[in-house]
Amino acid sequence: MANLFKAVCGLAASALVLTACGGPAGGADDKRPVVLTTFTVLADVAANVAGDKLKVESITKPGAEIHGYEPTPDDIKKAAKADLILDNGLNLEAWFARFVKESDAPHKVVSEGVQPIAIGEDSYQGKPNPHAWMSPKNVGIYVDNMVKAFSEVSAGDAAVFKANGDAYKAKLQAVQDEMTGALSGLPKNERALVTCEGAFSYLARDSGLTERYIWAVNAEQQATPQQITRAIGFVKENKVPAVFCESTVSDAPMRQVVSATGAAFGGVLYVDSLSGPEGPVPTYLDLIRHDAKTIVAALTGAKP
């Protein structure tokens, strides 16, 4: 299929830098199949698997809020020209079902095969936590799904996709192993990840941490006094050394927890979006390494 749009996030496997526009090759004469993803994290992972064989674009831009995104007419045009659309699934992209109806392109849910963790409270109770990519183990499953989907789009490059995927999964496993090993010496009560939003369920599960949060899912309203009091009680009871908050929300509620407990504010964690190329987390590996190092340093008292 002829494709007329420039790549937003296409990257060669050897140049793992997510950019807002452009790719390793492009222009009107670029005839590579186009893979369209719903957000920047998926685009970066997909670009690592695709190498220079596919063009990878993200519908949303770095720093964008993914949960309530509203597709634009230009997004619909991109979808009409895409050869494959990737979405996270697990109810993350509430807007996606309507969006994909406007395109004849096949689509793949990259979280297929992930063991979901249910949200434990609020109006979303019982629904799957969508933040499965916050576990490197789960992203290994994403990679396998991408390898299969890309091989159907460009069968002649299947061996390249498999090799790229295997190399990327090795890097993911290294991050997981380093974090798990560094946390292994902590007392059980201190092996706790306390954050503003409950976006780290999968990371906590796969790293042997107990997860607590102020609110389950990002919402427009401020944290309630009851939510803050509950977090304070947990931190005090377990002598949790540090607490955290996400980059996309105000840390004011968590600062109240810090003030009431004496726990350190461990730092800012990244979840829903990559930064621009000059920012702190321009790739998914940068994001997960940043979060892992921040968590380990704050909980163990080590220097980051």
C-alpha atoms as a PDB file:
ATOM      1  CA  MET A   1       0.000   0.000   0.000  1.00  0.00           C
ATOM      2  CA  ALA A   2       1.317   3.409  -0.916  1.00  0.00           C
ATOM      3  CA  ASN A   3       1.785   5.655   2.098  1.00  0.00           C
ATOM      4  CA  LEU A   4       1.888   9.438   1.864  1.00  0.00           C
ATOM      5  CA  PHE A   5       2.600  10.532   5.418  1.00  0.00           C
ATOM      6  CA  LYS A   6       5.986  11.201   7.013  1.00  0.00           C
ATOM      7  CA  ALA A   7       6.941   9.001   9.956  1.00  0.00           C
ATOM      8  CA  VAL A   8       6.507  10.551  13.375  1.00  0.00           C
ATOM      9  CA  CYS A   9       8.411   8.016  15.390  1.00  0.00           C
ATOM     10  CA  GLY A  10      10.240   5.723  12.974  1.00  0.00           C
ATOM     11  CA  LEU A  11      13.573   4.663  14.393  1.00  0.00           C
ATOM     12  CA  ALA A  12      16.331   2.344  13.306  1.00  0.00           C
ATOM     13  CA  ALA A  13      17.056  -0.348  15.869  1.00  0.00           C
ATOM     14  CA  SER A  14      20.538   1.092  16.328  1.00  0.00           C
ATOM     15  CA  ALA A  15      19.254   4.650  16.923  1.00  0.00           C
ATOM     16  CA  LEU A  16      16.721   4.410  19.690  1.00  0.00           C
ATOM     17  CA  VAL A  17      15.558   8.011  19.896  1.00  0.00           C
ATOM     18  CA  LEU A  18      11.848   8.809  19.672  1.00  0.00           C
ATOM     19  CA  THR A  19      11.249  12.078  17.867  1.00  0.00           C
ATOM     20  CA  ALA A  20       8.181  14.184  17.282  1.00  0.00           C
ATOM     21  CA  CYS A  21       8.625  14.079  13.529  1.00  0.00           C
ATOM     22  CA  GLY A  22      10.743  12.326  10.982  1.00  0.00           C
ATOM     23  CA  GLY A  23      12.420   8.923  10.921  1.00  0.00           C
ATOM     24  CA  PRO A  24      15.561   7.245   9.639  1.00  0.00           C
ATOM     25  CA  ALA A  25      14.236   7.516   6.127  1.00  0.00           C
ATOM     26  CA  GLY A  26      11.177   9.226   4.755  1.00  0.00           C
ATOM     27  CA  GLY A  27       9.704  11.614   2.277  1.00  0.00           C
ATOM     28  CA  ALA A  28       7.041  11.107  -0.321  1.00  0.00           C
ATOM     29  CA  ASP A  29       9.011   8.285  -1.953  1.00  0.00           C
ATOM     30  CA  ASP A  30       9.168   6.182   1.208  1.00  0.00           C
ATOM     31  CA  LYS A  31       7.054   3.114   0.433  1.00  0.00           C
ATOM     32  CA  ARG A  32       7.532   1.219   3.696  1.00  0.00           C
ATOM     33  CA  PRO A  33       4.349  -0.049   5.367  1.00  0.00           C
ATOM     34  CA  VAL A  34       2.990   2.316   8.020  1.00  0.00           C
ATOM     35  CA  VAL A  35       2.295   1.170  11.579  1.00  0.00           C
ATOM     36  CA  LEU A  36       0.135   3.582  13.581  1.00  0.00           C
ATOM     37  CA  THR A  37       0.117   3.355  17.398  1.00  0.00           C
ATOM     38  CA  THR A  38      -2.163   5.026  19.915  1.00  0.00           C
ATOM     39  CA  PHE A  39       0.561   6.584  22.083  1.00  0.00           C
ATOM     40  CA  THR A  40       4.277   7.260  22.239  1.00  0.00           C
ATOM     41  CA  VAL A  41       5.317   4.350  24.457  1.00  0.00           C
ATOM     42  CA  LEU A  42       3.898   1.855  21.972  1.00  0.00           C
ATOM     43  CA  ALA A  43       5.499   3.756  19.087  1.00  0.00           C
ATOM     44  CA  ASP A  44       8.944   3.519  20.632  1.00  0.00           C
ATOM     45  CA  VAL A  45       8.680  -0.190  21.411  1.00  0.00           C
ATOM     46  CA  ALA A  46       7.279  -0.845  17.934  1.00  0.00           C
ATOM     47  CA  ALA A  47      10.121   1.114  16.316  1.00  0.00           C
ATOM     48  CA  ASN A  48      12.670  -1.064  18.093  1.00  0.00           C
ATOM     49  CA  VAL A  49      11.001  -4.189  16.726  1.00  0.00           C
ATOM     50  CA  ALA A  50      10.456  -2.774  13.234  1.00  0.00           C
ATOM     51  CA  GLY A  51      13.957  -1.409  12.745  1.00  0.00           C
ATOM     52  CA  ASP A  52      14.131   0.292   9.358  1.00  0.00           C
ATOM     53  CA  LYS A  53      11.615  -2.055   7.709  1.00  0.00           C
ATOM     54  CA  LEU A  54       8.441  -0.187   8.721  1.00  0.00           C
ATOM     55  CA  LYS A  55       7.439   3.404   9.408  1.00  0.00           C
ATOM     56  CA  VAL A  56       6.040   3.838  12.909  1.00  0.00           C
ATOM     57  CA  GLU A  57       3.812   6.760  13.863  1.00  0.00           C
ATOM     58  CA  SER A  58       2.111   7.705  17.137  1.00  0.00           C
ATOM     59  CA  ILE A  59      -1.350   9.264  17.088  1.00  0.00           C
ATOM     60  CA  THR A  60      -0.649  11.187  20.299  1.00  0.00           C
ATOM     61  CA  LYS A  61       2.391  13.383  20.814  1.00  0.00           C
ATOM     62  CA  PRO A  62       4.991  13.309  23.618  1.00  0.00           C
ATOM     63  CA  GLY A  63       3.498  14.474  26.903  1.00  0.00           C
ATOM     64  CA  ALA A  64      -0.111  13.991  25.777  1.00  0.00           C
ATOM     65  CA  GLU A  65      -2.811  12.599  28.063  1.00  0.00           C
ATOM     66  CA  ILE A  66      -3.846   9.276  26.538  1.00  0.00           C
ATOM     67  CA  HIS A  67      -6.902   8.331  28.609  1.00  0.00           C
ATOM     68  CA  GLY A  68      -9.306  10.966  27.309  1.00  0.00           C
ATOM     69  CA  TYR A  69      -7.705  11.761  23.964  1.00  0.00           C
ATOM     70  CA  GLU A  70     -10.006  13.023  21.197  1.00  0.00           C
ATOM     71  CA  PRO A  71      -8.939  11.938  17.676  1.00  0.00           C
ATOM     72  CA  THR A  72      -8.611  14.738  15.123  1.00  0.00           C
ATOM     73  CA  PRO A  73      -9.601  14.675  11.439  1.00  0.00           C
ATOM     74  CA  ASP A  74      -5.897  14.387  10.626  1.00  0.00           C
ATOM     75  CA  ASP A  75      -5.702  11.274  12.831  1.00  0.00           C
ATOM     76  CA  ILE A  76      -8.523   9.717  10.819  1.00  0.00           C
ATOM     77  CA  LYS A  77      -6.640  10.458   7.605  1.00  0.00           C
ATOM     78  CA  LYS A  78      -3.516   8.780   8.984  1.00  0.00           C
ATOM     79  CA  ALA A  79      -5.535   5.727   9.984  1.00  0.00           C
ATOM     80  CA  ALA A  80      -6.965   5.467   6.479  1.00  0.00           C
ATOM     81  CA  LYS A  81      -3.426   5.220   5.081  1.00  0.00           C
ATOM     82  CA  ALA A  82      -2.025   2.863   7.731  1.00  0.00           C
ATOM     83  CA  ASP A  83      -1.174  -0.776   7.078  1.00  0.00           C
ATOM     84  CA  LEU A  84      -1.545  -1.726  10.762  1.00  0.00           C
ATOM     85  CA  ILE A  85      -2.867  -0.023  13.899  1.00  0.00           C
ATOM     86  CA  LEU A  86      -1.625  -0.993  17.361  1.00  0.00           C
ATOM     87  CA  ASP A  87      -3.486  -0.229  20.574  1.00  0.00           C
ATOM     88  CA  ASN A  88      -2.794  -1.125  24.192  1.00  0.00           C
ATOM     89  CA  GLY A  89      -6.244  -2.441  25.064  1.00  0.00           C
ATOM     90  CA  LEU A  90      -7.330  -3.116  28.665  1.00  0.00           C
ATOM     91  CA  ASN A  91      -9.754  -0.172  28.356  1.00  0.00           C
ATOM     92  CA  LEU A  92      -6.931   2.367  28.091  1.00  0.00           C
ATOM     93  CA  GLU A  93      -8.028   4.019  24.867  1.00  0.00           C
ATOM     94  CA  ALA A  94     -11.716   4.706  25.472  1.00  0.00           C
ATOM     95  CA  TRP A  95     -11.782   6.607  22.194  1.00  0.00           C
ATOM     96  CA  PHE A  96     -10.223   3.859  20.094  1.00  0.00           C
ATOM     97  CA  ALA A  97     -13.295   1.819  19.093  1.00  0.00           C
ATOM     98  CA  ARG A  98     -14.906   4.826  17.420  1.00  0.00           C
ATOM     99  CA  PHE A  99     -11.620   5.853  15.886  1.00  0.00           C
ATOM    100  CA  VAL A 100     -10.779   2.494  14.331  1.00  0.00           C
ATOM    101  CA  LYS A 101     -14.203   2.277  12.659  1.00  0.00           C
ATOM    102  CA  GLU A 102     -12.995   5.015  10.316  1.00  0.00           C
ATOM    103  CA  SER A 103     -10.166   2.818   9.033  1.00  0.00           C
ATOM    104  CA  ASP A 104     -10.036  -0.428   7.086  1.00  0.00           C
ATOM    105  CA  ALA A 105      -6.552  -1.160   8.454  1.00  0.00           C
ATOM    106  CA  PRO A 106      -6.129  -4.311  10.579  1.00  0.00           C
ATOM    107  CA  HIS A 107      -5.356  -3.675  14.220  1.00  0.00           C
ATOM    108  CA  LYS A 108      -3.633  -5.583  16.990  1.00  0.00           C
ATOM    109  CA  VAL A 109      -4.140  -5.322  20.742  1.00  0.00           C
ATOM    110  CA  VAL A 110      -0.561  -5.566  21.990  1.00  0.00           C
ATOM    111  CA  SER A 111      -1.505  -6.467  25.585  1.00  0.00           C
ATOM    112  CA  GLU A 112      -3.076  -9.735  24.411  1.00  0.00           C
ATOM    113  CA  GLY A 113      -1.702 -12.494  26.641  1.00  0.00           C
ATOM    114  CA  VAL A 114      -0.971 -10.233  29.632  1.00  0.00           C
ATOM    115  CA  GLN A 115      -2.473 -11.422  32.921  1.00  0.00           C
ATOM    116  CA  PRO A 116      -4.646  -8.437  33.935  1.00  0.00           C
ATOM    117  CA  ILE A 117      -4.704  -6.964  37.417  1.00  0.00           C
ATOM    118  CA  ALA A 118      -8.108  -5.609  38.445  1.00  0.00           C
ATOM    119  CA  ILE A 119      -8.492  -2.071  39.764  1.00  0.00           C
ATOM    120  CA  GLY A 120      -9.403  -2.403  43.419  1.00  0.00           C
ATOM    121  CA  GLU A 121     -11.588   0.614  44.133  1.00  0.00           C
ATOM    122  CA  ASP A 122     -13.425   3.727  42.936  1.00  0.00           C
ATOM    123  CA  SER A 123     -15.814   3.726  39.989  1.00  0.00           C
ATOM    124  CA  TYR A 124     -13.367   1.585  37.982  1.00  0.00           C
ATOM    125  CA  GLN A 125     -13.332  -1.246  40.523  1.00  0.00           C
ATOM    126  CA  GLY A 126     -13.115  -4.658  38.883  1.00  0.00           C
ATOM    127  CA  LYS A 127     -11.959  -3.340  35.513  1.00  0.00           C
ATOM    128  CA  PRO A 128      -8.443  -4.247  34.340  1.00  0.00           C
ATOM    129  CA  ASN A 129      -5.662  -1.845  35.198  1.00  0.00           C
ATOM    130  CA  PRO A 130      -4.547  -0.673  31.742  1.00  0.00           C
ATOM    131  CA  HIS A 131      -0.941   0.238  32.647  1.00  0.00           C
ATOM    132  CA  ALA A 132       0.486  -3.164  31.737  1.00  0.00           C
ATOM    133  CA  TRP A 133       3.476  -1.583  29.958  1.00  0.00           C
ATOM    134  CA  MET A 134       4.849  -0.478  33.326  1.00  0.00           C
ATOM    135  CA  SER A 135       6.202  -4.015  33.739  1.00  0.00           C
ATOM    136  CA  PRO A 136       9.195  -4.930  31.535  1.00  0.00           C
ATOM    137  CA  LYS A 137       7.935  -8.529  31.633  1.00  0.00           C
ATOM    138  CA  ASN A 138       4.647  -7.458  30.086  1.00  0.00           C
ATOM    139  CA  VAL A 139       6.400  -5.405  27.429  1.00  0.00           C
ATOM    140  CA  GLY A 140       8.128  -8.615  26.418  1.00  0.00           C
ATOM    141  CA  ILE A 141       4.633  -9.917  25.612  1.00  0.00           C
ATOM    142  CA  TYR A 142       3.905  -6.709  23.702  1.00  0.00           C
ATOM    143  CA  VAL A 143       7.062  -7.330  21.674  1.00  0.00           C
ATOM    144  CA  ASP A 144       6.032 -10.889  20.793  1.00  0.00           C
ATOM    145  CA  ASN A 145       2.644  -9.627  19.615  1.00  0.00           C
ATOM    146  CA  MET A 146       4.315  -6.954  17.510  1.00  0.00           C
ATOM    147  CA  VAL A 147       6.727  -9.436  15.932  1.00  0.00           C
ATOM    148  CA  LYS A 148       3.777 -11.591  14.852  1.00  0.00           C
ATOM    149  CA  ALA A 149       1.728  -8.656  13.557  1.00  0.00           C
ATOM    150  CA  PHE A 150       4.661  -7.076  11.696  1.00  0.00           C
ATOM    151  CA  SER A 151       5.512 -10.405  10.094  1.00  0.00           C
ATOM    152  CA  GLU A 152       2.018 -10.514   8.644  1.00  0.00           C
ATOM    153  CA  VAL A 153       2.414  -7.008   7.231  1.00  0.00           C
ATOM    154  CA  SER A 154       5.886  -7.651   5.776  1.00  0.00           C
ATOM    155  CA  ALA A 155       6.473 -11.412   5.659  1.00  0.00           C
ATOM    156  CA  GLY A 156       9.872 -11.093   4.005  1.00  0.00           C
ATOM    157  CA  ASP A 157      11.215  -9.252   7.046  1.00  0.00           C
ATOM    158  CA  ALA A 158       9.958 -11.731   9.667  1.00  0.00           C
ATOM    159  CA  ALA A 159      13.472 -12.842  10.636  1.00  0.00           C
ATOM    160  CA  VAL A 160      14.528  -9.212  11.164  1.00  0.00           C
ATOM    161  CA  PHE A 161      11.534  -8.545  13.403  1.00  0.00           C
ATOM    162  CA  LYS A 162      12.250 -11.689  15.429  1.00  0.00           C
ATOM    163  CA  ALA A 163      15.918 -10.772  15.915  1.00  0.00           C
ATOM    164  CA  ASN A 164      15.081  -7.178  16.847  1.00  0.00           C
ATOM    165  CA  GLY A 165      12.423  -8.376  19.270  1.00  0.00           C
ATOM    166  CA  ASP A 166      14.753 -10.847  20.980  1.00  0.00           C
ATOM    167  CA  ALA A 167      17.457  -8.191  21.409  1.00  0.00           C
ATOM    168  CA  TYR A 168      14.966  -5.726  22.861  1.00  0.00           C
ATOM    169  CA  LYS A 169      13.522  -8.300  25.273  1.00  0.00           C
ATOM    170  CA  ALA A 170      17.017  -8.950  26.603  1.00  0.00           C
ATOM    171  CA  LYS A 171      17.305  -5.267  27.495  1.00  0.00           C
ATOM    172  CA  LEU A 172      13.902  -5.364  29.184  1.00  0.00           C
ATOM    173  CA  GLN A 173      14.908  -8.391  31.248  1.00  0.00           C
ATOM    174  CA  ALA A 174      18.112  -6.657  32.341  1.00  0.00           C
ATOM    175  CA  VAL A 175      16.101  -3.748  33.761  1.00  0.00           C
ATOM    176  CA  GLN A 176      13.766  -6.150  35.557  1.00  0.00           C
ATOM    177  CA  ASP A 177      16.615  -8.202  37.023  1.00  0.00           C
ATOM    178  CA  GLU A 178      18.542  -5.150  38.201  1.00  0.00           C
ATOM    179  CA  MET A 179      15.526  -3.697  39.983  1.00  0.00           C
ATOM    180  CA  THR A 180      14.457  -6.948  41.608  1.00  0.00           C
ATOM    181  CA  GLY A 181      17.987  -7.676  42.798  1.00  0.00           C
ATOM    182  CA  ALA A 182      18.501  -4.203  44.233  1.00  0.00           C
ATOM    183  CA  LEU A 183      15.271  -4.377  46.238  1.00  0.00           C
ATOM    184  CA  SER A 184      15.756  -7.919  47.517  1.00  0.00           C
ATOM    185  CA  GLY A 185      17.526  -6.868  50.727  1.00  0.00           C
ATOM    186  CA  LEU A 186      14.780  -4.537  51.949  1.00  0.00           C
ATOM    187  CA  PRO A 187      12.647  -5.616  54.937  1.00  0.00           C
ATOM    188  CA  LYS A 188       9.219  -6.815  53.801  1.00  0.00           C
ATOM    189  CA  ASN A 189       7.355  -3.860  55.291  1.00  0.00           C
ATOM    190  CA  GLU A 190       9.589  -1.416  53.405  1.00  0.00           C
ATOM    191  CA  ARG A 191       9.090  -3.176  50.078  1.00  0.00           C
ATOM    192  CA  ALA A 192       6.229  -0.830  49.258  1.00  0.00           C
ATOM    193  CA  LEU A 193       5.537   1.421  46.292  1.00  0.00           C
ATOM    194  CA  VAL A 194       3.300   4.324  47.349  1.00  0.00           C
ATOM    195  CA  THR A 195       2.280   6.614  44.468  1.00  0.00           C
ATOM    196  CA  CYS A 196      -0.358   9.197  43.602  1.00  0.00           C
ATOM    197  CA  GLU A 197      -2.119   7.026  40.992  1.00  0.00           C
ATOM    198  CA  GLY A 198      -2.462   3.249  40.953  1.00  0.00           C
ATOM    199  CA  ALA A 199      -0.502   2.979  37.704  1.00  0.00           C
ATOM    200  CA  PHE A 200       2.204   0.644  39.001  1.00  0.00           C
ATOM    201  CA  SER A 201       0.298  -2.538  39.819  1.00  0.00           C
ATOM    202  CA  TYR A 202       2.182  -4.646  37.273  1.00  0.00           C
ATOM    203  CA  LEU A 203       5.580  -3.183  38.136  1.00  0.00           C
ATOM    204  CA  ALA A 204       4.939  -3.791  41.837  1.00  0.00           C
ATOM    205  CA  ARG A 205       3.744  -7.355  41.269  1.00  0.00           C
ATOM    206  CA  ASP A 206       6.721  -8.326  39.141  1.00  0.00           C
ATOM    207  CA  SER A 207       9.243  -6.661  41.458  1.00  0.00           C
ATOM    208  CA  GLY A 208       7.935  -8.053  44.755  1.00  0.00           C
ATOM    209  CA  LEU A 209       6.571  -4.739  46.016  1.00  0.00           C
ATOM    210  CA  THR A 210       3.325  -3.965  47.828  1.00  0.00           C
ATOM    211  CA  GLU A 211       1.410  -1.285  45.935  1.00  0.00           C
ATOM    212  CA  ARG A 212      -0.484   1.557  47.591  1.00  0.00           C
ATOM    213  CA  TYR A 213      -1.748   4.780  46.058  1.00  0.00           C
ATOM    214  CA  ILE A 214      -3.859   7.831  46.857  1.00  0.00           C
ATOM    215  CA  TRP A 215      -6.331   7.311  44.011  1.00  0.00           C
ATOM    216  CA  ALA A 216      -6.850   4.383  41.675  1.00  0.00           C
ATOM    217  CA  VAL A 217      -7.272   6.237  38.371  1.00  0.00           C
ATOM    218  CA  ASN A 218      -6.431   9.813  37.386  1.00  0.00           C
ATOM    219  CA  ALA A 219      -9.448  12.073  37.808  1.00  0.00           C
ATOM    220  CA  GLU A 220     -10.093  15.772  37.540  1.00  0.00           C
ATOM    221  CA  GLN A 221     -11.076  16.196  41.179  1.00  0.00           C
ATOM    222  CA  GLN A 222      -8.484  16.564  43.926  1.00  0.00           C
ATOM    223  CA  ALA A 223      -7.636  13.680  46.230  1.00  0.00           C
ATOM    224  CA  THR A 224     -10.152  13.307  49.051  1.00  0.00           C
ATOM    225  CA  PRO A 225      -9.162  13.667  52.715  1.00  0.00           C
ATOM    226  CA  GLN A 226     -10.065  10.002  53.200  1.00  0.00           C
ATOM    227  CA  GLN A 227      -7.693   8.906  50.444  1.00  0.00           C
ATOM    228  CA  ILE A 228      -4.837  10.955  51.866  1.00  0.00           C
ATOM    229  CA  THR A 229      -5.517   9.706  55.408  1.00  0.00           C
ATOM    230  CA  ARG A 230      -5.452   6.115  54.217  1.00  0.00           C
ATOM    231  CA  ALA A 231      -2.091   6.621  52.509  1.00  0.00           C
ATOM    232  CA  ILE A 232      -0.692   8.285  55.627  1.00  0.00           C
ATOM    233  CA  GLY A 233      -1.803   5.346  57.763  1.00  0.00           C
ATOM    234  CA  PHE A 234      -0.136   2.803  55.497  1.00  0.00           C
ATOM    235  CA  VAL A 235       3.150   4.707  55.329  1.00  0.00           C
ATOM    236  CA  LYS A 236       3.271   5.159  59.108  1.00  0.00           C
ATOM    237  CA  GLU A 237       2.335   1.565  59.919  1.00  0.00           C
ATOM    238  CA  ASN A 238       4.942   0.092  57.579  1.00  0.00           C
ATOM    239  CA  LYS A 239       7.642   2.722  58.074  1.00  0.00           C
ATOM    240  CA  VAL A 240       7.807   3.162  54.304  1.00  0.00           C
ATOM    241  CA  PRO A 241      10.972   5.184  53.629  1.00  0.00           C
ATOM    242  CA  ALA A 242       9.824   7.059  50.508  1.00  0.00           C
ATOM    243  CA  VAL A 243       6.776   7.874  48.402  1.00  0.00           C
ATOM    244  CA  PHE A 244       6.381   8.997  44.780  1.00  0.00           C
ATOM    245  CA  CYS A 245       4.126  10.800  42.321  1.00  0.00           C
ATOM    246  CA  GLU A 246       3.655  10.759  38.553  1.00  0.00           C
ATOM    247  CA  SER A 247       4.822  13.476  36.178  1.00  0.00           C
ATOM    248  CA  THR A 248       1.334  14.191  34.795  1.00  0.00           C
ATOM    249  CA  VAL A 249      -0.409  15.083  38.085  1.00  0.00           C
ATOM    250  CA  SER A 250       0.098  17.477  40.994  1.00  0.00           C
ATOM    251  CA  ASP A 251       2.218  16.064  43.795  1.00  0.00           C
ATOM    252  CA  ALA A 252       0.478  18.270  46.396  1.00  0.00           C
ATOM    253  CA  PRO A 253      -1.547  15.393  47.928  1.00  0.00           C
ATOM    254  CA  MET A 254       1.569  13.245  48.264  1.00  0.00           C
ATOM    255  CA  ARG A 255       3.427  16.154  49.850  1.00  0.00           C
ATOM    256  CA  GLN A 256       0.770  16.029  52.580  1.00  0.00           C
ATOM    257  CA  VAL A 257       1.646  12.371  53.130  1.00  0.00           C
ATOM    258  CA  VAL A 258       5.317  13.313  53.373  1.00  0.00           C
ATOM    259  CA  SER A 259       4.583  16.059  55.886  1.00  0.00           C
ATOM    260  CA  ALA A 260       2.452  13.776  58.085  1.00  0.00           C
ATOM    261  CA  THR A 261       4.779  10.767  58.089  1.00  0.00           C
ATOM    262  CA  GLY A 262       8.347  11.957  57.694  1.00  0.00           C
ATOM    263  CA  ALA A 263       8.809   9.735  54.653  1.00  0.00           C
ATOM    264  CA  ALA A 264      10.977  11.169  51.904  1.00  0.00           C
ATOM    265  CA  PHE A 265       9.524  12.310  48.627  1.00  0.00           C
ATOM    266  CA  GLY A 266      11.330   9.807  46.438  1.00  0.00           C
ATOM    267  CA  GLY A 267      10.880  11.561  43.130  1.00  0.00           C
ATOM    268  CA  VAL A 268       8.812  11.853  39.977  1.00  0.00           C
ATOM    269  CA  LEU A 269       7.846   8.732  38.025  1.00  0.00           C
ATOM    270  CA  TYR A 270       6.828   8.581  34.354  1.00  0.00           C
ATOM    271  CA  VAL A 271       3.949   6.458  33.064  1.00  0.00           C
ATOM    272  CA  ASP A 272       1.656   7.473  30.205  1.00  0.00           C
ATOM    273  CA  SER A 273       3.901   9.284  27.769  1.00  0.00           C
ATOM    274  CA  LEU A 274       7.481   9.698  26.701  1.00  0.00           C
ATOM    275  CA  SER A 275       9.104  13.105  26.705  1.00  0.00           C
ATOM    276  CA  GLY A 276      10.456  14.858  23.659  1.00  0.00           C
ATOM    277  CA  PRO A 277      13.948  13.892  22.450  1.00  0.00           C
ATOM    278  CA  GLU A 278      15.588  16.466  24.760  1.00  0.00           C
ATOM    279  CA  GLY A 279      13.553  15.406  27.792  1.00  0.00           C
ATOM    280  CA  PRO A 280      14.337  12.910  30.552  1.00  0.00           C
ATOM    281  CA  VAL A 281      12.546   9.879  29.050  1.00  0.00           C
ATOM    282  CA  PRO A 282      12.663  10.003  25.232  1.00  0.00           C
ATOM    283  CA  THR A 283      12.386   6.197  24.918  1.00  0.00           C
ATOM    284  CA  TYR A 284      10.549   3.474  26.802  1.00  0.00           C
ATOM    285  CA  LEU A 285      13.815   1.995  28.077  1.00  0.00           C
ATOM    286  CA  ASP A 286      14.725   5.435  29.395  1.00  0.00           C
ATOM    287  CA  LEU A 287      11.331   5.649  31.100  1.00  0.00           C
ATOM    288  CA  ILE A 288      11.459   2.274  32.807  1.00  0.00           C
ATOM    289  CA  ARG A 289      15.131   2.676  33.769  1.00  0.00           C
ATOM    290  CA  HIS A 290      14.412   6.108  35.226  1.00  0.00           C
ATOM    291  CA  ASP A 291      11.496   4.786  37.265  1.00  0.00           C
ATOM    292  CA  ALA A 292      13.407   1.708  38.435  1.00  0.00           C
ATOM    293  CA  LYS A 293      16.459   3.727  39.505  1.00  0.00           C
ATOM    294  CA  THR A 294      14.300   6.344  41.234  1.00  0.00           C
ATOM    295  CA  ILE A 295      12.364   3.713  43.181  1.00  0.00           C
ATOM    296  CA  VAL A 296      15.440   1.722  44.167  1.00  0.00           C
ATOM    297  CA  ALA A 297      17.420   4.787  45.242  1.00  0.00           C
ATOM    298  CA  ALA A 298      14.614   6.192  47.382  1.00  0.00           C
ATOM    299  CA  LEU A 299      13.615   2.928  49.074  1.00  0.00           C
ATOM    300  CA  THR A 300      17.149   1.710  49.766  1.00  0.00           C
ATOM    301  CA  GLY A 301      18.715   5.072  50.563  1.00  0.00           C
ATOM    302  CA  ALA A 302      21.235   4.643  47.765  1.00  0.00           C
ATOM    303  CA  LYS A 303      22.416   7.459  45.541  1.00  0.00           C
ATOM    304  CA  PRO A 304      20.553   7.460  42.196  1.00  0.00           C
END
